[in-house]
C-alpha atoms as a PDB file:
ATOM      1  CA  MET A   1     103.818  96.232  92.387  1.00  0.00           C
ATOM      2  CA  THR A   2     104.750  96.075  88.812  1.00  0.00           C
ATOM      3  CA  ASN A   3     107.817  94.142  87.336  1.00  0.00           C
ATOM      4  CA  PHE A   4     109.868  94.951  84.310  1.00  0.00           C
ATOM      5  CA  GLN A   5     113.052  93.856  82.848  1.00  0.00           C
ATOM      6  CA  ILE A   6     115.995  96.126  82.080  1.00  0.00           C
ATOM      7  CA  SER A   7     119.296  95.444  80.334  1.00  0.00           C
ATOM      8  CA  LEU A   8     122.628  96.815  81.632  1.00  0.00           C
ATOM      9  CA  PRO A   9     126.105  96.390  80.421  1.00  0.00           C
ATOM     10  CA  GLU A  10     128.100  94.082  82.764  1.00  0.00           C
ATOM     11  CA  SER A  11     130.072  97.094  84.258  1.00  0.00           C
ATOM     12  CA  MET A  12     126.838  98.806  85.264  1.00  0.00           C
ATOM     13  CA  LYS A  13     125.493  95.541  86.785  1.00  0.00           C
ATOM     14  CA  ALA A  14     128.658  95.214  88.721  1.00  0.00           C
ATOM     15  CA  PHE A  15     128.189  98.775  89.861  1.00  0.00           C
ATOM     16  CA  VAL A  16     124.660  98.267  91.086  1.00  0.00           C
ATOM     17  CA  ASP A  17     125.528  95.003  92.866  1.00  0.00           C
ATOM     18  CA  GLU A  18     128.255  96.840  94.728  1.00  0.00           C
ATOM     19  CA  GLN A  19     125.982  99.660  95.728  1.00  0.00           C
ATOM     20  CA  VAL A  20     123.324  97.213  96.918  1.00  0.00           C
ATOM     21  CA  ALA A  21     125.956  95.474  99.103  1.00  0.00           C
ATOM     22  CA  LYS A  22     127.626  98.514 100.340  1.00  0.00           C
ATOM     23  CA  GLY A  23     124.354 100.481 100.923  1.00  0.00           C
ATOM     24  CA  GLY A  24     122.673  97.810 102.913  1.00  0.00           C
ATOM     25  CA  TYR A  25     119.833  97.463 100.373  1.00  0.00           C
ATOM     26  CA  GLY A  26     117.901  94.164 100.458  1.00  0.00           C
ATOM     27  CA  SER A  27     117.689  93.919  96.742  1.00  0.00           C
ATOM     28  CA  VAL A  28     118.473  95.544  93.505  1.00  0.00           C
ATOM     29  CA  SER A  29     114.740  96.694  93.434  1.00  0.00           C
ATOM     30  CA  GLU A  30     115.133  98.528  96.702  1.00  0.00           C
ATOM     31  CA  TYR A  31     118.261 100.318  95.289  1.00  0.00           C
ATOM     32  CA  LEU A  32     116.522 101.272  92.026  1.00  0.00           C
ATOM     33  CA  GLN A  33     113.308 102.452  93.818  1.00  0.00           C
ATOM     34  CA  GLU A  34     115.357 104.585  95.983  1.00  0.00           C
ATOM     35  CA  LEU A  35     117.251 106.109  92.979  1.00  0.00           C
ATOM     36  CA  ILE A  36     113.916 106.782  91.184  1.00  0.00           C
ATOM     37  CA  PHE A  37     112.314 108.311  94.285  1.00  0.00           C
ATOM     38  CA  GLN A  38     115.410 110.653  94.676  1.00  0.00           C
ATOM     39  CA  ASP A  39     115.059 111.705  91.144  1.00  0.00           C
ATOM     40  CA  GLN A  40     111.377 112.457  91.494  1.00  0.00           C
ATOM     41  CA  HIS A  41     111.997 114.450  94.622  1.00  0.00           C
ATOM     42  CA  ARG A  42     114.760 116.413  92.987  1.00  0.00           C
ATOM     43  CA  LYS A  43     112.477 117.122  90.125  1.00  0.00           C
ATOM     44  CA  GLY A  44     109.576 118.170  92.571  1.00  0.00           C
ATOM     45  CA  GLN A  45     107.390 115.381  91.532  1.00  0.00           C
ATOM     46  CA  VAL A  46     106.824 113.727  94.792  1.00  0.00           C
ATOM     47  CA  ASN A  47     103.757 114.594  96.774  1.00  0.00           C
ATOM     48  CA  ASP A  48     103.637 114.413 100.631  1.00  0.00           C
ATOM     49  CA  GLU A  49     101.792 111.235 100.646  1.00  0.00           C
ATOM     50  CA  GLN A  50     104.394 109.459  98.280  1.00  0.00           C
ATOM     51  CA  PHE A  51     107.079 110.792 100.622  1.00  0.00           C
ATOM     52  CA  GLU A  52     105.377 109.460 103.679  1.00  0.00           C
ATOM     53  CA  VAL A  53     104.947 106.041 102.078  1.00  0.00           C
ATOM     54  CA  VAL A  54     108.735 105.862 101.090  1.00  0.00           C
ATOM     55  CA  ALA A  55     109.909 107.264 104.512  1.00  0.00           C
ATOM     56  CA  ASP A  56     107.945 104.692 106.282  1.00  0.00           C
ATOM     57  CA  GLN A  57     109.369 101.947 104.005  1.00  0.00           C
ATOM     58  CA  LEU A  58     112.951 103.257 104.619  1.00  0.00           C
ATOM     59  CA  VAL A  59     112.329 103.139 108.455  1.00  0.00           C
ATOM     60  CA  GLU A  60     111.015  99.551 108.216  1.00  0.00           C
ATOM     61  CA  GLU A  61     114.139  98.651 106.175  1.00  0.00           C
ATOM     62  CA  PHE A  62     116.513 100.367 108.656  1.00  0.00           C
ATOM     63  CA  VAL A  63     114.891  98.526 111.518  1.00  0.00           C
ATOM     64  CA  MET A  64     115.287  95.235 109.789  1.00  0.00           C
ATOM     65  CA  CYS A  65     119.007  96.033 109.094  1.00  0.00           C
ATOM     66  CA  ILE A  66     119.942  97.586 112.335  1.00  0.00           C
ATOM     67  CA  GLY A  67     117.511  96.113 114.769  1.00  0.00           C
ATOM     68  CA  ALA A  68     114.522  97.415 116.636  1.00  0.00           C
ATOM     69  CA  ASN A  69     116.201  97.542 120.054  1.00  0.00           C
ATOM     70  CA  LEU A  70     117.829 101.020 119.562  1.00  0.00           C
ATOM     71  CA  PRO A  71     116.860 103.670 121.975  1.00  0.00           C
ATOM     72  CA  VAL A  72     114.396 106.019 120.684  1.00  0.00           C
ATOM     73  CA  LEU A  73     115.288 109.772 120.714  1.00  0.00           C
ATOM     74  CA  SER A  74     112.719 112.221 122.074  1.00  0.00           C
ATOM     75  CA  ASP A  75     111.400 114.938 119.828  1.00  0.00           C
ATOM     76  CA  TYR A  76     113.361 117.552 121.967  1.00  0.00           C
ATOM     77  CA  ALA A  77     116.603 115.559 121.384  1.00  0.00           C
ATOM     78  CA  VAL A  78     116.622 116.341 117.831  1.00  0.00           C
ATOM     79  CA  THR A  79     115.406 119.930 117.833  1.00  0.00           C
ATOM     80  CA  ARG A  80     117.385 122.868 116.854  1.00  0.00           C
ATOM     81  CA  GLU A  81     117.229 124.096 120.527  1.00  0.00           C
ATOM     82  CA  SER A  82     118.624 120.902 121.887  1.00  0.00           C
ATOM     83  CA  ILE A  83     121.372 120.757 119.207  1.00  0.00           C
ATOM     84  CA  TYR A  84     122.570 124.287 119.795  1.00  0.00           C
ATOM     85  CA  GLU A  85     122.397 124.576 123.599  1.00  0.00           C
ATOM     86  CA  ASP A  86     125.492 124.343 125.676  1.00  0.00           C
ATOM     87  CA  HIS A  87     126.177 120.750 126.966  1.00  0.00           C
ATOM     88  CA  PRO A  88     128.624 120.209 129.776  1.00  0.00           C
END
């Protein structure tokens, strides 16, 4: 990875710090990486390989924050058929 320094007004730094804390990010870098990725995605500049890398990173971060002991849902559990079928 490459590092670079940015300058922010104090009000923006406070906002970023608040988003990091509220959003469960591990660092300001993680928050900014996600913002940049979202902008790339919105502009159609993310290819499938980049998307998979970022998705894998988000899953890893989620597991670190929430824990790895959560039950895993089957593929059927999250399909359209399962969601829209009648459940007693």
